[in-house]
Amino acid sequence: MSSRKIDLVVVSAAASCEYSCVGKKPESSAIAPHAPGGGKPVSLRELAGYLGLSPTTVSLVLNDSPGAEAISQATKSRVAAAARKFNYRPNFLARSLRAKRSYAVGVMVPELSEGYAALVVAGIEEVLVQRGYMCLATSHRHSDRQFSSVTRLLADRQVEGLILVDTPYPVPVPLPVVSVSGRLKEEGVTNIVLDHDCAANLGIGHLVELGHRSIAVVKGQAFSSDTEVRWKTIEQAARRHGVPIDPKLMVQLEGDSPSPETGYAAAQTLLQRGVEFTALFAFNDVSAFGAIRAFQERGLRVPEAVSVIGFDDIWGAAYHIPALTTIRQPLRRMGALAAETLIDRIESKLAGGPPQVVQVVPELVIRESTAAAARAAFNGQTAVESRVPAHRGGATL
């Protein structure tokens, strides 16, 4: 499988389309000598005749197409005035039937909730709207059966392609597909992925710089596409930094809830094992929120007694108390890249065929939840008082 970065250019769709409205008798003939009317729906051709312009010129202006740059502002103003006068609306059905296209893209996510998927979908929608496509988003709730069923429903509704977010299931329909973090190995699928080696090195390196040597890790659920690669790269990074992860300090998220409760339960399990640690590297920000709550309930202050680092940098990370140090995935950009790549595939604008992998780079965002390691670790049962100052804005005891 090849891996290469590509530059993607957003291109406005320039398509002549039918417009319809309920025509009104013009108040004057100042704009053009012949006005469509009679209370009947008005076609693009009739509007062009009303304005004394060609249908192509009117279409270019109404669609704000690149070709409209050569049209004078005076002509654009006349077209806009006529469109307002007759309250024009696009006849999308006519355009779709003529072009034999739906201009719709299916988007599949595990859960339609705040967090990872919401940010990725926001990037997808932004690009689709810019390029004249409709986003049909739905979820599979970690069920391969539901995924297969909903995918076929989207295909029945004539979507032109699919974007799969954190979805590892094989696609049962012959459509162009782009996967965000799905790591699909099917031929013709473009995968938008994070550089996990870099992410693990950033997180472990940050904790080691702060003096942490006993680091616990919350591993993701078995169904998540990123679980194994994230755990593997964190484990490798820890060994490279001379702080190998004690198997007793790895705990896996259970259940399919997208709420912090999974991280809360994982942290409780970790504490019950009674193994010393001074820092926690969580699978994602949501599980980090839950873990922090579990620590606080046990009387362990974050970051003074235990540092916590998350993953993703979702919207709530900066506003949590304490504000969460995290590995930032450029989630909106990943969604935008997926949409740009898929549309270019649909419109056959990728010379040499679609790339198999597009890799993006993470960032370390340091906030308040990590600090210098306490001089004495804790064993999960007893809170330890720390006299070591916090790092970069963290609270100090």
Protein backbone atom coordinates (compact mmCIF):
# COMPACT_ATOMS: atom_id res chain seq x y z
CA MET A 1 0.00 0.00 0.00
CA SER A 2 1.48 3.34 -1.02
CA SER A 3 1.34 6.45 1.13
CA ARG A 4 1.66 9.89 -0.32
CA LYS A 5 0.47 13.35 0.51
CA ILE A 6 -1.57 15.22 -2.04
CA ASP A 7 -2.58 18.79 -2.60
CA LEU A 8 -6.32 19.10 -3.08
CA VAL A 9 -7.92 22.07 -4.78
CA VAL A 10 -11.52 23.07 -4.17
CA VAL A 11 -13.23 23.66 -7.48
CA SER A 12 -16.66 25.23 -7.72
CA ALA A 13 -19.17 23.15 -9.63
CA ALA A 14 -20.22 24.94 -12.79
CA ALA A 15 -23.33 23.36 -14.13
CA SER A 16 -26.19 24.83 -16.08
CA CYS A 17 -29.45 24.02 -14.31
CA GLU A 18 -33.13 24.67 -14.54
CA TYR A 19 -34.71 27.23 -12.23
CA SER A 20 -38.42 27.51 -11.50
CA CYS A 21 -40.69 29.94 -9.71
CA VAL A 22 -44.17 31.28 -9.74
CA GLY A 23 -44.00 34.05 -12.29
CA LYS A 24 -45.49 37.47 -11.62
CA LYS A 25 -46.51 40.08 -14.09
CA PRO A 26 -43.61 42.54 -14.28
CA GLU A 27 -44.22 46.01 -12.95
CA SER A 28 -42.26 47.45 -15.84
CA SER A 29 -40.31 46.34 -18.90
CA ALA A 30 -37.18 48.26 -17.88
CA ILE A 31 -35.08 45.13 -17.49
CA ALA A 32 -35.97 43.48 -20.80
CA PRO A 33 -38.66 43.77 -23.47
CA HIS A 34 -40.35 40.40 -22.95
CA ALA A 35 -41.24 39.18 -19.49
CA PRO A 36 -42.27 35.62 -18.71
CA GLY A 37 -45.51 35.55 -16.84
CA GLY A 38 -49.03 34.33 -16.72
CA GLY A 39 -48.53 32.87 -13.26
CA LYS A 40 -46.81 29.76 -14.67
CA PRO A 41 -43.48 28.33 -13.50
CA VAL A 42 -40.66 30.06 -15.31
CA SER A 43 -37.82 28.15 -16.92
CA LEU A 44 -34.22 29.24 -17.25
CA ARG A 45 -34.78 29.75 -20.96
CA GLU A 46 -37.74 32.06 -20.31
CA LEU A 47 -35.75 34.05 -17.78
CA ALA A 48 -32.91 34.40 -20.25
CA GLY A 49 -35.38 35.62 -22.91
CA TYR A 50 -36.80 38.11 -20.40
CA LEU A 51 -33.32 39.49 -19.80
CA GLY A 52 -32.23 39.35 -23.42
CA LEU A 53 -29.33 37.07 -22.48
CA SER A 54 -28.29 33.54 -23.34
CA PRO A 55 -29.33 30.72 -20.96
CA THR A 56 -25.65 29.92 -20.46
CA THR A 57 -24.87 33.45 -19.27
CA VAL A 58 -27.80 33.46 -16.84
CA SER A 59 -26.83 30.01 -15.54
CA LEU A 60 -23.22 31.05 -14.96
CA VAL A 61 -24.35 34.05 -12.92
CA LEU A 62 -26.99 32.19 -10.91
CA ASN A 63 -24.53 29.41 -10.09
CA ASP A 64 -21.70 31.84 -9.30
CA SER A 65 -19.56 29.69 -11.57
CA PRO A 66 -15.90 30.45 -12.38
CA GLY A 67 -16.94 31.39 -15.92
CA ALA A 68 -19.02 34.24 -14.49
CA GLU A 69 -15.82 36.19 -13.81
CA ALA A 70 -15.83 37.31 -17.45
CA ILE A 71 -19.38 38.71 -17.16
CA SER A 72 -19.76 42.40 -16.35
CA GLN A 73 -21.05 43.47 -12.95
CA ALA A 74 -23.90 45.33 -14.62
CA THR A 75 -25.13 42.10 -16.25
CA LYS A 76 -24.76 40.21 -12.97
CA SER A 77 -26.84 42.85 -11.23
CA ARG A 78 -29.58 42.57 -13.86
CA VAL A 79 -29.71 38.78 -13.45
CA ALA A 80 -29.78 39.09 -9.66
CA ALA A 81 -32.57 41.67 -9.83
CA ALA A 82 -34.67 39.41 -12.05
CA ALA A 83 -34.07 36.44 -9.75
CA ARG A 84 -35.27 38.48 -6.78
CA LYS A 85 -38.20 39.89 -8.70
CA PHE A 86 -39.54 36.46 -9.58
CA ASN A 87 -38.43 34.70 -6.37
CA TYR A 88 -36.49 32.03 -8.25
CA ARG A 89 -35.69 28.67 -6.72
CA PRO A 90 -33.43 25.99 -8.27
CA ASN A 91 -35.29 23.17 -9.95
CA PHE A 92 -32.88 20.61 -8.57
CA LEU A 93 -34.89 17.65 -9.83
CA ALA A 94 -34.62 18.87 -13.42
CA ARG A 95 -30.88 19.36 -13.03
CA SER A 96 -30.43 15.95 -11.45
CA LEU A 97 -32.49 14.12 -14.07
CA ARG A 98 -30.72 15.82 -16.94
CA ALA A 99 -27.25 15.16 -15.54
CA LYS A 100 -28.22 11.70 -14.22
CA ARG A 101 -26.63 12.65 -10.91
CA SER A 102 -27.89 13.11 -7.33
CA TYR A 103 -25.15 15.44 -6.02
CA ALA A 104 -25.48 13.58 -2.70
CA VAL A 105 -22.81 11.91 -0.56
CA GLY A 106 -23.46 9.40 2.22
CA VAL A 107 -21.53 9.84 5.47
CA MET A 108 -21.41 6.99 8.01
CA VAL A 109 -20.19 7.43 11.60
CA PRO A 110 -20.35 5.20 14.69
CA GLU A 111 -22.36 7.73 16.71
CA LEU A 112 -23.88 11.11 15.85
CA SER A 113 -22.63 12.75 19.03
CA GLU A 114 -20.41 15.57 20.29
CA GLY A 115 -16.74 14.83 19.98
CA TYR A 116 -14.65 13.08 17.37
CA ALA A 117 -17.35 12.34 14.79
CA ALA A 118 -18.97 15.76 15.11
CA LEU A 119 -15.73 17.56 14.23
CA VAL A 120 -14.98 15.28 11.29
CA VAL A 121 -18.52 15.68 9.91
CA ALA A 122 -18.26 19.46 10.29
CA GLY A 123 -15.25 19.44 7.96
CA ILE A 124 -17.03 17.14 5.52
CA GLU A 125 -20.15 19.29 5.38
CA GLU A 126 -18.20 22.49 4.83
CA VAL A 127 -16.57 21.16 1.68
CA LEU A 128 -19.69 19.43 0.35
CA VAL A 129 -21.75 22.61 0.63
CA GLN A 130 -19.03 24.65 -1.09
CA ARG A 131 -19.02 22.24 -3.98
CA GLY A 132 -22.76 21.86 -4.35
CA TYR A 133 -23.32 18.46 -2.73
CA MET A 134 -25.78 17.28 -0.09
CA CYS A 135 -24.50 15.44 2.99
CA LEU A 136 -26.63 12.48 4.10
CA ALA A 137 -25.19 11.51 7.50
CA THR A 138 -26.20 8.49 9.56
CA SER A 139 -24.72 6.09 12.12
CA HIS A 140 -24.19 2.35 12.41
CA ARG A 141 -23.83 2.22 16.24
CA HIS A 142 -21.05 -0.37 15.96
CA SER A 143 -23.30 -2.91 14.25
CA ASP A 144 -22.00 -4.46 11.03
CA ARG A 145 -25.55 -5.54 10.20
CA GLN A 146 -26.87 -2.00 10.57
CA PHE A 147 -23.93 -0.68 8.57
CA SER A 148 -24.69 -3.05 5.70
CA SER A 149 -28.40 -2.18 5.77
CA VAL A 150 -27.96 1.59 5.93
CA THR A 151 -25.25 1.55 3.26
CA ARG A 152 -27.64 -0.16 0.86
CA LEU A 153 -30.35 2.38 1.72
CA LEU A 154 -27.94 5.20 0.86
CA ALA A 155 -27.09 3.49 -2.42
CA ASP A 156 -30.81 3.11 -3.18
CA ARG A 157 -31.11 6.88 -2.74
CA GLN A 158 -28.47 7.31 -5.42
CA VAL A 159 -25.64 8.78 -3.34
CA GLU A 160 -22.59 9.19 -5.54
CA GLY A 161 -20.04 8.11 -2.94
CA LEU A 162 -19.47 7.26 0.72
CA ILE A 163 -17.32 8.73 3.48
CA LEU A 164 -16.81 6.32 6.38
CA VAL A 165 -15.62 7.69 9.73
CA ASP A 166 -13.98 5.24 12.17
CA THR A 167 -15.83 2.46 10.39
CA PRO A 168 -13.88 -0.77 9.76
CA TYR A 169 -16.59 -2.74 7.94
CA PRO A 170 -16.29 -3.83 4.29
CA VAL A 171 -18.47 -1.84 1.90
CA PRO A 172 -21.25 -3.92 0.29
CA VAL A 173 -22.02 -1.54 -2.61
CA PRO A 174 -19.94 -0.52 -5.67
CA LEU A 175 -19.40 3.18 -4.87
CA PRO A 176 -16.35 5.42 -4.51
CA VAL A 177 -15.29 5.32 -0.84
CA VAL A 178 -13.05 7.45 1.37
CA SER A 179 -12.37 6.29 4.92
CA VAL A 180 -11.36 8.51 7.85
CA SER A 181 -9.41 6.40 10.39
CA GLY A 182 -11.12 3.25 9.13
CA ARG A 183 -7.95 1.68 7.73
CA LEU A 184 -9.83 -0.25 5.06
CA LYS A 185 -7.66 -2.44 2.86
CA GLU A 186 -10.14 -2.74 0.03
CA GLU A 187 -8.94 -1.82 -3.43
CA GLY A 188 -9.91 1.69 -4.49
CA VAL A 189 -10.56 3.00 -0.97
CA THR A 190 -8.66 6.13 0.08
CA ASN A 191 -7.76 6.18 3.78
CA ILE A 192 -7.30 9.48 5.64
CA VAL A 193 -5.14 8.55 8.63
CA LEU A 194 -3.19 10.15 11.47
CA ASP A 195 0.54 9.69 11.93
CA HIS A 196 0.18 7.62 15.10
CA ASP A 197 3.92 7.13 15.57
CA CYS A 198 4.29 10.88 15.79
CA ALA A 199 1.29 11.17 18.13
CA ALA A 200 2.63 8.53 20.53
CA ASN A 201 6.07 10.12 20.61
CA LEU A 202 4.56 13.52 21.37
CA GLY A 203 2.48 12.20 24.26
CA ILE A 204 5.02 9.87 25.86
CA GLY A 205 7.83 12.36 25.27
CA HIS A 206 5.88 15.09 27.04
CA LEU A 207 5.26 12.90 30.09
CA VAL A 208 8.88 11.74 30.23
CA GLU A 209 10.10 15.34 30.07
CA LEU A 210 7.95 16.02 33.13
CA GLY A 211 9.68 13.22 34.99
CA HIS A 212 7.02 10.50 34.73
CA ARG A 213 8.32 6.94 34.70
CA SER A 214 5.22 4.95 35.69
CA ILE A 215 2.68 5.65 32.97
CA ALA A 216 -0.74 4.01 32.75
CA VAL A 217 -2.60 3.69 29.44
CA VAL A 218 -6.32 3.50 28.66
CA LYS A 219 -6.72 1.42 25.49
CA GLY A 220 -9.73 1.93 23.22
CA GLN A 221 -12.66 -0.41 22.69
CA ALA A 222 -12.12 -3.45 20.50
CA PHE A 223 -14.46 -2.11 17.80
CA SER A 224 -12.59 1.17 17.22
CA SER A 225 -10.42 1.32 14.10
CA ASP A 226 -7.66 3.21 15.93
CA THR A 227 -7.46 1.04 19.06
CA GLU A 228 -4.69 -1.37 18.08
CA VAL A 229 -2.50 1.06 16.15
CA ARG A 230 -2.72 3.65 18.94
CA TRP A 231 -1.89 1.13 21.66
CA LYS A 232 0.95 -0.38 19.62
CA THR A 233 2.59 2.98 18.88
CA ILE A 234 2.25 4.17 22.49
CA GLU A 235 3.82 0.94 23.72
CA GLN A 236 6.68 1.31 21.24
CA ALA A 237 7.23 4.97 22.09
CA ALA A 238 7.34 4.15 25.81
CA ARG A 239 10.04 1.53 25.21
CA ARG A 240 12.07 3.95 23.10
CA HIS A 241 11.92 6.48 25.96
CA GLY A 242 13.01 3.89 28.48
CA VAL A 243 9.66 3.71 30.30
CA PRO A 244 8.03 0.46 29.16
CA ILE A 245 4.36 0.10 30.07
CA ASP A 246 3.66 -2.35 32.86
CA PRO A 247 0.92 -4.72 31.58
CA LYS A 248 -0.93 -4.11 34.85
CA LEU A 249 -1.08 -0.41 33.97
CA MET A 250 -2.99 -0.98 30.73
CA VAL A 251 -6.77 -1.05 30.99
CA GLN A 252 -9.21 -1.28 28.07
CA LEU A 253 -12.44 0.63 27.61
CA GLU A 254 -15.56 -1.53 27.73
CA GLY A 255 -19.03 -0.93 26.30
CA ASP A 256 -20.12 1.22 23.37
CA SER A 257 -21.24 4.37 25.19
CA PRO A 258 -19.74 7.59 23.75
CA SER A 259 -19.91 9.23 27.20
CA PRO A 260 -17.12 9.66 29.81
CA GLU A 261 -18.53 6.75 31.83
CA THR A 262 -16.30 4.27 29.98
CA GLY A 263 -13.18 6.19 31.03
CA TYR A 264 -14.53 6.51 34.57
CA ALA A 265 -14.98 2.73 34.83
CA ALA A 266 -11.54 2.07 33.30
CA ALA A 267 -9.84 4.37 35.82
CA GLN A 268 -11.65 2.70 38.71
CA THR A 269 -10.40 -0.68 37.50
CA LEU A 270 -6.87 0.71 37.25
CA LEU A 271 -7.00 2.10 40.79
CA GLN A 272 -8.27 -1.18 42.19
CA ARG A 273 -5.17 -2.99 40.91
CA GLY A 274 -2.99 -1.09 43.37
CA VAL A 275 -0.06 -0.57 40.96
CA GLU A 276 1.83 2.70 41.27
CA PHE A 277 1.64 5.26 38.47
CA THR A 278 1.98 9.04 38.15
CA ALA A 279 0.48 9.67 34.71
CA LEU A 280 -2.30 8.39 32.46
CA PHE A 281 -2.38 8.43 28.65
CA ALA A 282 -6.07 8.07 27.69
CA PHE A 283 -7.41 6.67 24.43
CA ASN A 284 -9.39 9.86 23.76
CA ASP A 285 -10.52 13.07 25.44
CA VAL A 286 -13.90 11.69 26.48
CA SER A 287 -12.35 8.77 28.35
CA ALA A 288 -9.85 11.20 29.92
CA PHE A 289 -12.75 13.25 31.33
CA GLY A 290 -14.18 10.15 32.97
CA ALA A 291 -10.79 9.09 34.35
CA ILE A 292 -10.20 12.50 35.91
CA ARG A 293 -13.54 12.25 37.70
CA ALA A 294 -12.61 8.82 39.08
CA PHE A 295 -9.26 10.15 40.33
CA GLN A 296 -10.87 13.16 41.97
CA GLU A 297 -13.40 10.98 43.76
CA ARG A 298 -10.48 8.99 45.20
CA GLY A 299 -8.88 12.22 46.44
CA LEU A 300 -6.22 12.34 43.74
CA ARG A 301 -5.74 15.83 42.38
CA VAL A 302 -5.03 16.31 38.68
CA PRO A 303 -2.29 17.17 37.77
CA GLU A 304 -0.64 17.36 41.21
CA ALA A 305 -1.01 13.67 42.10
CA VAL A 306 -1.52 12.25 38.61
CA SER A 307 -1.13 13.81 35.17
CA VAL A 308 -3.65 13.00 32.44
CA ILE A 309 -3.23 13.39 28.69
CA GLY A 310 -6.06 12.87 26.22
CA PHE A 311 -6.34 12.36 22.47
CA ASP A 312 -8.33 14.21 19.75
CA ASP A 313 -8.75 17.76 21.16
CA ILE A 314 -12.52 17.85 20.91
CA TRP A 315 -14.42 21.08 21.62
CA GLY A 316 -14.79 20.45 25.35
CA ALA A 317 -11.11 19.70 26.04
CA ALA A 318 -10.07 23.31 26.58
CA TYR A 319 -13.01 24.01 28.92
CA HIS A 320 -12.79 20.99 31.17
CA ILE A 321 -11.51 21.54 34.72
CA PRO A 322 -8.59 21.15 34.60
CA ALA A 323 -8.20 22.05 30.93
CA LEU A 324 -7.02 18.91 29.18
CA THR A 325 -3.56 18.39 27.74
CA THR A 326 -4.13 16.34 24.62
CA ILE A 327 -2.90 15.12 21.25
CA ARG A 328 -4.75 17.14 18.65
CA GLN A 329 -5.99 15.35 15.59
CA PRO A 330 -6.87 17.88 12.84
CA LEU A 331 -10.38 16.39 12.73
CA ARG A 332 -12.08 19.11 10.67
CA ARG A 333 -9.21 19.04 8.20
CA MET A 334 -9.42 15.24 7.99
CA GLY A 335 -13.13 15.55 7.20
CA ALA A 336 -12.43 18.23 4.60
CA LEU A 337 -9.70 16.12 2.98
CA ALA A 338 -12.10 13.18 2.81
CA ALA A 339 -14.78 15.26 1.10
CA GLU A 340 -12.35 16.89 -1.33
CA THR A 341 -10.84 13.53 -2.26
CA LEU A 342 -14.23 11.88 -2.76
CA ILE A 343 -15.62 14.67 -4.92
CA ASP A 344 -12.49 14.71 -7.05
CA ARG A 345 -12.95 10.96 -7.51
CA ILE A 346 -16.61 11.42 -8.44
CA GLU A 347 -15.73 14.16 -10.90
CA SER A 348 -12.69 12.25 -12.22
CA LYS A 349 -10.21 14.97 -11.29
CA LEU A 350 -7.50 12.78 -9.76
CA ALA A 351 -4.86 12.08 -12.38
CA GLY A 352 -3.36 8.64 -11.95
CA GLY A 353 -6.17 7.37 -9.78
CA PRO A 354 -7.03 8.00 -6.13
CA PRO A 355 -4.31 7.79 -3.45
CA GLN A 356 -4.49 4.81 -1.11
CA VAL A 357 -3.40 6.77 1.97
CA VAL A 358 -3.39 10.45 2.92
CA GLN A 359 -1.57 10.98 6.21
CA VAL A 360 -2.03 13.98 8.50
CA VAL A 361 0.19 15.19 11.34
CA PRO A 362 -0.90 15.55 15.00
CA GLU A 363 0.01 18.27 17.50
CA LEU A 364 0.63 18.26 21.25
CA VAL A 365 -1.58 20.79 23.04
CA ILE A 366 -0.32 21.45 26.58
CA ARG A 367 -2.92 22.71 29.05
CA GLU A 368 -3.51 22.16 32.76
CA SER A 369 -3.91 18.41 33.24
CA THR A 370 -0.20 17.51 33.07
CA ALA A 371 2.53 18.59 35.48
CA ALA A 372 5.90 17.53 36.79
CA ALA A 373 5.79 14.07 38.35
CA ALA A 374 5.13 13.86 42.08
CA ARG A 375 8.20 12.95 44.12
CA ALA A 376 6.39 9.89 45.34
CA ALA A 377 4.00 7.84 43.25
CA PHE A 378 0.73 6.45 44.57
CA ASN A 379 -0.55 2.92 44.52
CA GLY A 380 -4.15 3.66 43.60
CA GLN A 381 -5.34 3.43 47.19
CA THR A 382 -3.80 6.46 48.91
CA ALA A 383 -3.59 10.06 47.73
CA VAL A 384 -0.06 11.46 47.69
CA GLU A 385 0.72 15.07 48.51
CA SER A 386 2.92 16.68 45.89
CA ARG A 387 5.31 19.57 46.36
CA VAL A 388 6.37 19.74 42.74
CA PRO A 389 5.14 22.81 40.79
CA ALA A 390 2.68 22.21 37.98
CA HIS A 391 3.72 22.65 34.34
CA ARG A 392 2.51 25.44 32.05
CA GLY A 393 -0.52 26.75 33.83
CA GLY A 394 -1.42 23.73 35.96
CA ALA A 395 -2.49 24.37 39.55
CA THR A 396 0.14 24.28 42.29
CA LEU A 397 -0.41 22.81 45.76
